[in-house]
Amino acid sequence: MRKLLVMDARNYDTALPEIYRVAVRGIIFLEGKLLLIQSYFGEVKFPGGGQESGESDHDTLVRETLEETGYHVIPDSIREFGEVEELRLSTLEPKIWHQINRYYFCDVDGEKEECRYTMSEQKRGFHQVCLTLDEAIECNWQMLCREGALPWNQREYQVLRLVKESLQKTID
């Protein structure tokens, strides 16, 4: 998969143990707008999350999209976009957080089920929104201005900008 970005905060001791995680995220357009997940803080993120043991990227994308949006991914529609590697000090413990985020364009069918957010997602007020790319970029820019460069918000802001650049290239 094509590497889009490496986001290395370099704020950790390299001798620390590492938490390694793969996350898979969907870039989904519905009627010309992006299907995103928004927290009560106002930031937006692509639907997706952590890969479970034995899952393929496609399996994770299908499961996470269903959990967070209620929509079923159409398997034949899945197309690679790229990956973002994150390295930073964990916010919860003295370990290196090393996460590979894989992004895929995909389509969903018209049937919608109930979302199944985790307790931590519910506490953060996760809910679906459909925004234009520019609206989504602005949401995360405003969050960066208010809250500072939170790693997950910074990552999604950068990926939103890369999606916009990529789509503009295909139009030109």
N, C-alpha and C. Protein backbone atom coordinates (compact mmCIF):
# COMPACT_ATOMS: atom_id res chain seq x y z
N MET A 1 0.85 -1.18 0.00
CA MET A 1 0.00 0.00 0.00
C MET A 1 0.89 1.24 0.00
N ARG A 2 0.47 2.26 -0.71
CA ARG A 2 1.22 3.51 -0.84
C ARG A 2 1.24 4.26 0.49
N LYS A 3 2.44 4.66 0.92
CA LYS A 3 2.59 5.44 2.16
C LYS A 3 2.24 6.90 1.85
N LEU A 4 1.24 7.42 2.53
CA LEU A 4 0.82 8.81 2.37
C LEU A 4 1.63 9.74 3.25
N LEU A 5 1.79 9.33 4.51
CA LEU A 5 2.46 10.17 5.51
C LEU A 5 3.10 9.31 6.58
N VAL A 6 4.16 9.83 7.17
CA VAL A 6 4.70 9.29 8.42
C VAL A 6 4.62 10.44 9.40
N MET A 7 3.89 10.22 10.48
CA MET A 7 3.72 11.25 11.51
C MET A 7 4.46 10.77 12.76
N ASP A 8 5.69 11.22 12.90
CA ASP A 8 6.52 10.79 14.01
C ASP A 8 6.75 11.98 14.94
N ALA A 9 6.13 11.93 16.11
CA ALA A 9 6.23 13.03 17.06
C ALA A 9 7.62 13.11 17.70
N ARG A 10 8.35 12.02 17.67
CA ARG A 10 9.70 11.95 18.27
C ARG A 10 9.70 12.43 19.73
N ASN A 11 8.61 12.14 20.43
CA ASN A 11 8.46 12.56 21.82
C ASN A 11 8.58 11.38 22.79
N TYR A 12 9.31 10.37 22.40
CA TYR A 12 9.39 9.14 23.18
C TYR A 12 10.84 8.66 23.22
N ASP A 13 11.12 7.86 24.22
CA ASP A 13 12.42 7.20 24.35
C ASP A 13 12.34 5.92 23.53
N THR A 14 13.24 5.73 22.60
CA THR A 14 13.20 4.56 21.71
C THR A 14 13.38 3.24 22.47
N ALA A 15 13.81 3.30 23.73
CA ALA A 15 13.96 2.08 24.53
C ALA A 15 12.62 1.61 25.13
N LEU A 16 11.59 2.44 25.05
CA LEU A 16 10.29 2.07 25.60
C LEU A 16 9.67 0.93 24.80
N PRO A 17 8.83 0.12 25.46
CA PRO A 17 8.10 -0.91 24.71
C PRO A 17 7.11 -0.25 23.75
N GLU A 18 6.69 -1.00 22.75
CA GLU A 18 5.84 -0.45 21.70
C GLU A 18 4.45 -1.09 21.72
N ILE A 19 3.45 -0.26 21.51
CA ILE A 19 2.09 -0.73 21.26
C ILE A 19 1.91 -0.62 19.74
N TYR A 20 1.75 -1.75 19.07
CA TYR A 20 1.60 -1.74 17.61
C TYR A 20 0.15 -2.07 17.27
N ARG A 21 -0.42 -1.27 16.39
CA ARG A 21 -1.83 -1.43 16.04
C ARG A 21 -2.03 -1.07 14.57
N VAL A 22 -2.89 -1.82 13.91
CA VAL A 22 -3.31 -1.49 12.55
C VAL A 22 -4.77 -1.07 12.62
N ALA A 23 -5.10 0.05 11.99
CA ALA A 23 -6.47 0.53 11.89
C ALA A 23 -6.82 0.66 10.41
N VAL A 24 -8.07 0.38 10.09
CA VAL A 24 -8.54 0.45 8.71
C VAL A 24 -9.72 1.41 8.68
N ARG A 25 -9.70 2.34 7.70
CA ARG A 25 -10.69 3.41 7.66
C ARG A 25 -11.27 3.56 6.26
N GLY A 26 -12.56 3.89 6.20
CA GLY A 26 -13.26 4.01 4.94
C GLY A 26 -13.47 5.44 4.50
N ILE A 27 -13.24 5.68 3.22
CA ILE A 27 -13.53 6.97 2.59
C ILE A 27 -14.78 6.72 1.76
N ILE A 28 -15.91 7.18 2.28
CA ILE A 28 -17.21 6.83 1.72
C ILE A 28 -17.97 8.10 1.34
N PHE A 29 -18.36 8.19 0.10
CA PHE A 29 -19.17 9.32 -0.35
C PHE A 29 -20.62 8.87 -0.51
N LEU A 30 -21.53 9.65 0.04
CA LEU A 30 -22.97 9.45 -0.13
C LEU A 30 -23.53 10.72 -0.74
N GLU A 31 -24.06 10.60 -1.94
CA GLU A 31 -24.66 11.75 -2.62
C GLU A 31 -23.72 12.95 -2.63
N GLY A 32 -22.45 12.70 -2.94
CA GLY A 32 -21.48 13.77 -3.08
C GLY A 32 -20.85 14.29 -1.80
N LYS A 33 -21.26 13.73 -0.66
CA LYS A 33 -20.69 14.16 0.62
C LYS A 33 -20.02 12.98 1.31
N LEU A 34 -19.03 13.29 2.15
CA LEU A 34 -18.33 12.26 2.90
C LEU A 34 -19.14 11.81 4.10
N LEU A 35 -19.22 10.51 4.28
CA LEU A 35 -19.83 9.93 5.48
C LEU A 35 -18.72 9.86 6.53
N LEU A 36 -18.90 10.62 7.60
CA LEU A 36 -17.88 10.74 8.64
C LEU A 36 -18.50 10.52 10.02
N ILE A 37 -17.63 10.36 10.99
CA ILE A 37 -18.02 10.25 12.39
C ILE A 37 -17.54 11.51 13.10
N GLN A 38 -18.45 12.14 13.85
CA GLN A 38 -18.10 13.38 14.56
C GLN A 38 -18.25 13.15 16.06
N SER A 39 -17.33 13.74 16.82
CA SER A 39 -17.42 13.68 18.28
C SER A 39 -18.11 14.94 18.78
N TYR A 40 -18.44 14.97 20.07
CA TYR A 40 -19.08 16.17 20.61
C TYR A 40 -18.11 17.35 20.66
N PHE A 41 -16.80 17.10 20.46
CA PHE A 41 -15.83 18.19 20.38
C PHE A 41 -15.94 18.93 19.04
N GLY A 42 -16.50 18.24 18.02
CA GLY A 42 -16.65 18.86 16.70
C GLY A 42 -15.72 18.30 15.65
N GLU A 43 -14.70 17.55 16.06
CA GLU A 43 -13.79 16.95 15.08
C GLU A 43 -14.51 15.85 14.30
N VAL A 44 -14.02 15.56 13.11
CA VAL A 44 -14.57 14.47 12.31
C VAL A 44 -13.48 13.47 11.96
N LYS A 45 -13.89 12.21 11.80
CA LYS A 45 -12.96 11.16 11.44
C LYS A 45 -13.63 10.22 10.45
N PHE A 46 -12.80 9.52 9.70
CA PHE A 46 -13.30 8.51 8.79
C PHE A 46 -13.78 7.31 9.60
N PRO A 47 -14.88 6.68 9.20
CA PRO A 47 -15.31 5.48 9.93
C PRO A 47 -14.25 4.39 9.84
N GLY A 48 -14.01 3.71 10.92
CA GLY A 48 -13.03 2.64 10.94
C GLY A 48 -12.44 2.48 12.31
N GLY A 49 -11.52 1.53 12.42
CA GLY A 49 -10.90 1.29 13.70
C GLY A 49 -9.93 0.13 13.65
N GLY A 50 -9.62 -0.38 14.81
CA GLY A 50 -8.57 -1.37 14.98
C GLY A 50 -8.88 -2.72 14.38
N GLN A 51 -7.85 -3.27 13.77
CA GLN A 51 -7.95 -4.60 13.18
C GLN A 51 -7.84 -5.65 14.27
N GLU A 52 -8.74 -6.62 14.23
CA GLU A 52 -8.72 -7.71 15.20
C GLU A 52 -7.85 -8.85 14.67
N SER A 53 -7.37 -9.68 15.57
CA SER A 53 -6.51 -10.80 15.22
C SER A 53 -7.15 -11.66 14.13
N GLY A 54 -6.39 -11.92 13.08
CA GLY A 54 -6.86 -12.78 11.99
C GLY A 54 -7.70 -12.09 10.95
N GLU A 55 -8.01 -10.81 11.13
CA GLU A 55 -8.82 -10.09 10.15
C GLU A 55 -7.95 -9.56 9.02
N SER A 56 -8.52 -9.56 7.83
CA SER A 56 -7.90 -8.87 6.70
C SER A 56 -8.32 -7.40 6.76
N ASP A 57 -7.67 -6.56 5.98
CA ASP A 57 -8.08 -5.15 5.92
C ASP A 57 -9.54 -5.05 5.50
N HIS A 58 -9.93 -5.83 4.49
CA HIS A 58 -11.31 -5.76 4.00
C HIS A 58 -12.29 -6.17 5.09
N ASP A 59 -11.96 -7.23 5.84
CA ASP A 59 -12.84 -7.67 6.94
C ASP A 59 -13.00 -6.56 7.98
N THR A 60 -11.90 -5.91 8.33
CA THR A 60 -11.94 -4.83 9.32
C THR A 60 -12.77 -3.66 8.80
N LEU A 61 -12.57 -3.30 7.55
CA LEU A 61 -13.31 -2.19 6.95
C LEU A 61 -14.82 -2.47 6.97
N VAL A 62 -15.20 -3.68 6.58
CA VAL A 62 -16.61 -4.05 6.56
C VAL A 62 -17.19 -4.01 7.98
N ARG A 63 -16.50 -4.61 8.94
CA ARG A 63 -16.99 -4.67 10.33
C ARG A 63 -17.08 -3.27 10.94
N GLU A 64 -16.00 -2.51 10.85
CA GLU A 64 -15.96 -1.19 11.48
C GLU A 64 -16.96 -0.22 10.85
N THR A 65 -17.11 -0.29 9.53
CA THR A 65 -18.07 0.59 8.87
C THR A 65 -19.49 0.27 9.33
N LEU A 66 -19.81 -1.00 9.42
CA LEU A 66 -21.13 -1.41 9.90
C LEU A 66 -21.35 -0.94 11.34
N GLU A 67 -20.35 -1.14 12.20
CA GLU A 67 -20.49 -0.74 13.61
C GLU A 67 -20.69 0.77 13.76
N GLU A 68 -19.91 1.55 13.00
CA GLU A 68 -19.92 3.00 13.21
C GLU A 68 -20.93 3.76 12.36
N THR A 69 -21.37 3.16 11.24
CA THR A 69 -22.31 3.88 10.37
C THR A 69 -23.63 3.15 10.18
N GLY A 70 -23.65 1.84 10.41
CA GLY A 70 -24.84 1.05 10.14
C GLY A 70 -24.95 0.62 8.69
N TYR A 71 -24.02 1.04 7.85
CA TYR A 71 -24.04 0.69 6.43
C TYR A 71 -23.16 -0.51 6.14
N HIS A 72 -23.56 -1.27 5.12
CA HIS A 72 -22.79 -2.43 4.65
C HIS A 72 -21.90 -2.00 3.48
N VAL A 73 -20.60 -2.26 3.61
CA VAL A 73 -19.67 -1.98 2.52
C VAL A 73 -19.92 -2.98 1.39
N ILE A 74 -19.90 -2.50 0.17
CA ILE A 74 -19.98 -3.37 -1.01
C ILE A 74 -18.56 -3.85 -1.28
N PRO A 75 -18.27 -5.14 -1.02
CA PRO A 75 -16.88 -5.63 -1.10
C PRO A 75 -16.17 -5.33 -2.42
N ASP A 76 -16.86 -5.44 -3.54
CA ASP A 76 -16.22 -5.20 -4.84
C ASP A 76 -15.87 -3.74 -5.07
N SER A 77 -16.34 -2.84 -4.22
CA SER A 77 -16.09 -1.41 -4.39
C SER A 77 -14.82 -0.95 -3.68
N ILE A 78 -14.19 -1.79 -2.88
CA ILE A 78 -13.05 -1.39 -2.04
C ILE A 78 -11.82 -1.13 -2.91
N ARG A 79 -11.26 0.09 -2.77
CA ARG A 79 -10.07 0.50 -3.52
C ARG A 79 -9.07 1.17 -2.57
N GLU A 80 -7.83 0.78 -2.66
CA GLU A 80 -6.78 1.36 -1.80
C GLU A 80 -6.62 2.85 -2.05
N PHE A 81 -6.42 3.59 -0.96
CA PHE A 81 -6.00 4.99 -1.07
C PHE A 81 -4.57 5.14 -0.57
N GLY A 82 -4.27 4.63 0.62
CA GLY A 82 -2.92 4.72 1.15
C GLY A 82 -2.91 4.57 2.66
N GLU A 83 -1.70 4.66 3.23
CA GLU A 83 -1.60 4.48 4.67
C GLU A 83 -0.79 5.60 5.32
N VAL A 84 -1.13 5.82 6.59
CA VAL A 84 -0.44 6.81 7.41
C VAL A 84 0.14 6.06 8.60
N GLU A 85 1.43 6.25 8.83
CA GLU A 85 2.10 5.63 9.98
C GLU A 85 2.25 6.68 11.06
N GLU A 86 1.86 6.32 12.27
CA GLU A 86 1.96 7.22 13.43
C GLU A 86 2.91 6.63 14.45
N LEU A 87 3.80 7.46 14.96
CA LEU A 87 4.69 7.09 16.07
C LEU A 87 4.67 8.24 17.06
N ARG A 88 4.37 7.92 18.32
CA ARG A 88 4.34 8.95 19.36
C ARG A 88 4.30 8.27 20.72
N LEU A 89 4.48 9.06 21.76
CA LEU A 89 4.32 8.55 23.11
C LEU A 89 2.84 8.32 23.35
N SER A 90 2.49 7.16 23.88
CA SER A 90 1.09 6.87 24.20
C SER A 90 0.56 7.89 25.18
N THR A 91 -0.71 8.25 25.04
CA THR A 91 -1.32 9.21 25.97
C THR A 91 -1.72 8.54 27.28
N LEU A 92 -1.69 7.18 27.32
CA LEU A 92 -2.17 6.47 28.51
C LEU A 92 -1.08 5.81 29.34
N GLU A 93 0.06 5.52 28.72
CA GLU A 93 1.11 4.81 29.45
C GLU A 93 2.46 5.08 28.79
N PRO A 94 3.55 4.84 29.53
CA PRO A 94 4.87 5.11 28.98
C PRO A 94 5.30 4.04 27.96
N LYS A 95 4.68 4.10 26.79
CA LYS A 95 4.98 3.20 25.68
C LYS A 95 4.92 3.99 24.38
N ILE A 96 5.56 3.45 23.37
CA ILE A 96 5.51 4.05 22.04
C ILE A 96 4.22 3.59 21.36
N TRP A 97 3.40 4.52 20.93
CA TRP A 97 2.19 4.21 20.17
C TRP A 97 2.60 4.17 18.70
N HIS A 98 2.53 3.01 18.10
CA HIS A 98 2.89 2.83 16.69
C HIS A 98 1.66 2.28 15.97
N GLN A 99 1.03 3.14 15.20
CA GLN A 99 -0.20 2.74 14.52
C GLN A 99 -0.07 2.94 13.03
N ILE A 100 -0.49 1.92 12.28
CA ILE A 100 -0.60 2.00 10.82
C ILE A 100 -2.08 2.19 10.51
N ASN A 101 -2.41 3.26 9.83
CA ASN A 101 -3.79 3.57 9.44
C ASN A 101 -3.91 3.36 7.94
N ARG A 102 -4.74 2.40 7.54
CA ARG A 102 -4.93 2.11 6.11
C ARG A 102 -6.29 2.66 5.68
N TYR A 103 -6.26 3.44 4.62
CA TYR A 103 -7.46 4.10 4.11
C TYR A 103 -7.88 3.49 2.77
N TYR A 104 -9.18 3.25 2.65
CA TYR A 104 -9.75 2.68 1.44
C TYR A 104 -10.98 3.48 1.02
N PHE A 105 -11.08 3.76 -0.27
CA PHE A 105 -12.34 4.24 -0.82
C PHE A 105 -13.27 3.03 -0.89
N CYS A 106 -14.55 3.24 -0.63
CA CYS A 106 -15.51 2.16 -0.78
C CYS A 106 -16.91 2.75 -0.88
N ASP A 107 -17.81 1.91 -1.36
CA ASP A 107 -19.22 2.28 -1.46
C ASP A 107 -20.00 1.43 -0.47
N VAL A 108 -21.17 1.92 -0.09
CA VAL A 108 -22.06 1.18 0.81
C VAL A 108 -23.40 0.99 0.11
N ASP A 109 -24.11 -0.06 0.53
CA ASP A 109 -25.44 -0.25 -0.03
C ASP A 109 -26.43 0.66 0.67
N GLY A 110 -27.65 0.71 0.19
CA GLY A 110 -28.64 1.66 0.71
C GLY A 110 -29.26 1.26 2.03
N GLU A 111 -29.11 0.00 2.44
CA GLU A 111 -29.72 -0.43 3.69
C GLU A 111 -28.89 0.05 4.88
N LYS A 112 -29.58 0.51 5.91
CA LYS A 112 -28.87 1.02 7.08
C LYS A 112 -29.40 0.35 8.34
N GLU A 113 -28.47 -0.13 9.14
CA GLU A 113 -28.81 -0.71 10.43
C GLU A 113 -28.46 0.28 11.53
N GLU A 114 -28.73 -0.10 12.76
CA GLU A 114 -28.38 0.75 13.90
C GLU A 114 -26.87 0.70 14.12
N CYS A 115 -26.29 1.83 14.49
CA CYS A 115 -24.85 1.90 14.81
C CYS A 115 -24.60 1.20 16.14
N ARG A 116 -23.41 0.67 16.29
CA ARG A 116 -23.02 -0.01 17.54
C ARG A 116 -21.70 0.59 18.05
N TYR A 117 -21.81 1.76 18.67
CA TYR A 117 -20.62 2.42 19.18
C TYR A 117 -20.17 1.77 20.50
N THR A 118 -18.85 1.76 20.71
CA THR A 118 -18.31 1.28 21.98
C THR A 118 -18.64 2.29 23.07
N MET A 119 -18.43 1.90 24.31
CA MET A 119 -18.69 2.82 25.43
C MET A 119 -17.84 4.08 25.31
N SER A 120 -16.55 3.94 24.95
CA SER A 120 -15.70 5.13 24.84
C SER A 120 -16.16 6.02 23.68
N GLU A 121 -16.65 5.42 22.59
CA GLU A 121 -17.18 6.23 21.49
C GLU A 121 -18.46 6.94 21.91
N GLN A 122 -19.30 6.26 22.68
CA GLN A 122 -20.53 6.89 23.18
C GLN A 122 -20.20 8.05 24.11
N LYS A 123 -19.19 7.87 24.98
CA LYS A 123 -18.79 8.94 25.91
C LYS A 123 -18.32 10.18 25.16
N ARG A 124 -17.72 9.98 23.97
CA ARG A 124 -17.24 11.11 23.17
C ARG A 124 -18.31 11.64 22.22
N GLY A 125 -19.53 11.09 22.34
CA GLY A 125 -20.65 11.61 21.55
C GLY A 125 -20.58 11.30 20.07
N PHE A 126 -19.97 10.18 19.70
CA PHE A 126 -19.84 9.85 18.29
C PHE A 126 -21.21 9.78 17.62
N HIS A 127 -21.29 10.36 16.45
CA HIS A 127 -22.48 10.29 15.61
C HIS A 127 -22.06 10.53 14.16
N GLN A 128 -22.90 10.10 13.24
CA GLN A 128 -22.60 10.25 11.83
C GLN A 128 -22.94 11.65 11.34
N VAL A 129 -22.16 12.09 10.39
CA VAL A 129 -22.46 13.33 9.66
C VAL A 129 -22.06 13.12 8.21
N CYS A 130 -22.68 13.85 7.33
CA CYS A 130 -22.29 13.88 5.92
C CYS A 130 -21.89 15.32 5.61
N LEU A 131 -20.64 15.48 5.22
CA LEU A 131 -20.10 16.82 4.96
C LEU A 131 -19.36 16.82 3.63
N THR A 132 -19.27 18.00 3.03
CA THR A 132 -18.39 18.14 1.87
C THR A 132 -16.95 18.02 2.36
N LEU A 133 -16.05 17.77 1.45
CA LEU A 133 -14.63 17.73 1.84
C LEU A 133 -14.20 19.03 2.49
N ASP A 134 -14.60 20.14 1.91
CA ASP A 134 -14.20 21.44 2.48
C ASP A 134 -14.76 21.65 3.88
N GLU A 135 -16.01 21.23 4.10
CA GLU A 135 -16.61 21.35 5.44
C GLU A 135 -15.86 20.48 6.45
N ALA A 136 -15.50 19.27 6.04
CA ALA A 136 -14.77 18.36 6.93
C ALA A 136 -13.39 18.90 7.26
N ILE A 137 -12.71 19.40 6.26
CA ILE A 137 -11.38 19.99 6.48
C ILE A 137 -11.49 21.17 7.45
N GLU A 138 -12.50 22.01 7.26
CA GLU A 138 -12.70 23.16 8.15
C GLU A 138 -13.01 22.72 9.58
N CYS A 139 -13.84 21.68 9.75
CA CYS A 139 -14.15 21.17 11.10
C CYS A 139 -12.86 20.80 11.83
N ASN A 140 -12.01 20.04 11.17
CA ASN A 140 -10.79 19.59 11.84
C ASN A 140 -9.77 20.71 11.98
N TRP A 141 -9.76 21.66 11.07
CA TRP A 141 -8.88 22.82 11.22
C TRP A 141 -9.29 23.62 12.45
N GLN A 142 -10.60 23.83 12.61
CA GLN A 142 -11.09 24.56 13.78
C GLN A 142 -10.74 23.83 15.07
N MET A 143 -10.84 22.52 15.05
CA MET A 143 -10.48 21.71 16.22
C MET A 143 -8.99 21.86 16.53
N LEU A 144 -8.15 21.82 15.50
CA LEU A 144 -6.71 22.01 15.71
C LEU A 144 -6.42 23.39 16.31
N CYS A 145 -7.13 24.39 15.85
CA CYS A 145 -6.94 25.75 16.38
C CYS A 145 -7.37 25.86 17.83
N ARG A 146 -8.48 25.17 18.20
CA ARG A 146 -9.00 25.23 19.58
C ARG A 146 -8.21 24.35 20.54
N GLU A 147 -7.96 23.12 20.14
CA GLU A 147 -7.42 22.12 21.06
C GLU A 147 -5.94 21.83 20.88
N GLY A 148 -5.34 22.35 19.85
CA GLY A 148 -3.94 22.03 19.57
C GLY A 148 -3.85 20.81 18.67
N ALA A 149 -2.65 20.39 18.41
CA ALA A 149 -2.40 19.32 17.44
C ALA A 149 -2.58 17.93 18.06
N LEU A 150 -3.81 17.59 18.40
CA LEU A 150 -4.07 16.23 18.88
C LEU A 150 -3.74 15.27 17.75
N PRO A 151 -3.01 14.20 18.02
CA PRO A 151 -2.49 13.37 16.94
C PRO A 151 -3.55 12.81 16.00
N TRP A 152 -4.66 12.33 16.55
CA TRP A 152 -5.70 11.72 15.70
C TRP A 152 -6.39 12.76 14.85
N ASN A 153 -6.59 13.97 15.39
CA ASN A 153 -7.22 15.04 14.63
C ASN A 153 -6.28 15.54 13.53
N GLN A 154 -5.02 15.65 13.87
CA GLN A 154 -4.02 16.08 12.90
C GLN A 154 -3.95 15.07 11.75
N ARG A 155 -3.98 13.77 12.09
CA ARG A 155 -3.93 12.72 11.06
C ARG A 155 -5.12 12.85 10.11
N GLU A 156 -6.33 12.93 10.67
CA GLU A 156 -7.52 12.98 9.82
C GLU A 156 -7.57 14.27 9.01
N TYR A 157 -7.11 15.38 9.58
CA TYR A 157 -7.04 16.64 8.84
C TYR A 157 -6.13 16.48 7.62
N GLN A 158 -4.97 15.89 7.83
CA GLN A 158 -4.02 15.70 6.72
C GLN A 158 -4.59 14.76 5.66
N VAL A 159 -5.24 13.68 6.08
CA VAL A 159 -5.80 12.73 5.12
C VAL A 159 -6.94 13.38 4.34
N LEU A 160 -7.78 14.15 4.99
CA LEU A 160 -8.83 14.87 4.27
C LEU A 160 -8.24 15.75 3.17
N ARG A 161 -7.17 16.44 3.48
CA ARG A 161 -6.51 17.29 2.49
C ARG A 161 -5.93 16.46 1.34
N LEU A 162 -5.36 15.29 1.68
CA LEU A 162 -4.82 14.41 0.64
C LEU A 162 -5.92 13.83 -0.25
N VAL A 163 -7.06 13.50 0.34
CA VAL A 163 -8.21 13.02 -0.45
C VAL A 163 -8.64 14.12 -1.43
N LYS A 164 -8.72 15.34 -0.94
CA LYS A 164 -9.12 16.46 -1.80
C LYS A 164 -8.13 16.63 -2.96
N GLU A 165 -6.83 16.61 -2.65
CA GLU A 165 -5.81 16.73 -3.70
C GLU A 165 -5.93 15.60 -4.72
N SER A 166 -6.12 14.39 -4.23
CA SER A 166 -6.24 13.23 -5.11
C SER A 166 -7.44 13.34 -6.04
N LEU A 167 -8.57 13.76 -5.50
CA LEU A 167 -9.77 13.89 -6.32
C LEU A 167 -9.63 15.04 -7.32
N GLN A 168 -8.94 16.11 -6.94
CA GLN A 168 -8.73 17.22 -7.88
C GLN A 168 -7.85 16.78 -9.04
N LYS A 169 -6.86 15.92 -8.77
CA LYS A 169 -5.98 15.42 -9.83
C LYS A 169 -6.75 14.58 -10.83
N THR A 170 -7.73 13.81 -10.36
CA THR A 170 -8.50 12.96 -11.27
C THR A 170 -9.44 13.79 -12.14
N ILE A 171 -9.84 14.97 -11.66
CA ILE A 171 -10.71 15.86 -12.43
C ILE A 171 -9.90 16.62 -13.48
N ASP A 172 -8.68 17.03 -13.10
CA ASP A 172 -7.83 17.83 -14.02
C ASP A 172 -7.32 17.06 -15.20
